[in-house]
Amino acid sequence: MGRDGMKALSIHLTDMCNNRCIFCVVDAPSQRGDSVRRDLIEHFLFENREAGYEAVNLHGGEPTMRPDFLDILSRIQQLGYPTIFLQTNARRLSNFEFARQVVDRGVSLFIVSMHGKDAAVQDAISQSPKSFDQAVAGIRNVKKLGQKVRTNTVVCKQNLESLPDIVSFVINLGADHVNISAMHPAGMAYKNFAHVTPAYTEIKPYLFEAVDRAVAAGQVITLEGFPYCTIPGYETYMIDWSTQRYKMLFRTFIMDDYESYMDACARTKQAKCSACAYSKVCGGVYKEYIQFIGWDEFHPVTPVHADGEELTSNQVRRTGADETHNPCG
């Protein structure tokens, strides 16, 4: 999900994971079985095969955990989808032969979770020894195979002060694109809210230094999930969702436009948000965050740039639900 524009299918491939991340949004550490059915995946892929989708984005859980993972990749190729994106912790990709088989079956972009600057930080977050070392080896294998890597770092209390060092590390590792995500406090993150979730005011200095390091290195960097008023001066790095359309299969539920669904169902705004310069761009604040912390740190951005010109964002997108129906119902 980057700046260049994309119409893609997105599939939650499994509930299972070989990590036990303390903020897992799908609550994978608590799963005792997989609710994802292969026949629904097959039907979703088949019925959309001629609808002009440019890619299939696979995520979980950890997609590579499925015994039929390679078969699913082959099926996506057979149906004629141009490419595949894989959101992964990259642990299984530390096996070069497995990584080669994945690339041979059409995966061209690997979106790798990197939540620590070293094993001590990341393995504590994932609650899985060797997860950091295996992720690093996986990234190196993917790069050897000539494919692109975008890292994703979810900001939590455990890695907050490490954000600049994480960015420096993944740049040196060869990442093509660095993404930093605000935490969605659902699943394990909801259960562990006080333990894992920093306030946006705490995030600012570390996040801004991380972005500055990436920019100084000439690195592509994006931010995701941050309310615009919490990142003053860094708004331009937010992912431009006006160019993104992801139709998602999540277990048995289909979201025709994932980002609009999230705006309507997972995030919220208060009345004064309508006066903000970014009201048409910003999706708001995760509802669980407001439940625990409240609205005090959020303030509308005045709709004028420092140079005195009115703000005209090229990121304006449809926010919320289609007025004719309730996508959350």
Foldseek 3Di string as FASTA:
>chain_A
DFAPFFAEAEEAQWLAAPFQFLQDQSQNVPDPDTLFDPVVVLVVLQVCLPVPGQEYEYHHRALVPDPCSLVVLQSSVVSPRQAYEYEHQLLVLLPLVVVVSNVVSGHQEYEHEDAALDQVLVCVRRVHHPSNVSSLSNLLSSVVVPGAYEYEYEAWPSCLQVLLSSLVNVVVSPHQEYEYEYRQCHHSNVVCVVPIHDDLLSRAVSVVNNVVSCVVVVHHYAYEQDFQQSHPPCNVRHGQCQRYAYWYDDSPDIDRGVQQLCLAPFADDDPQQVQALCSQQGSHHGPSCCVPPNDVVDDGHHQADPVGHGDDDPSGHHHHDDPVDRSVD
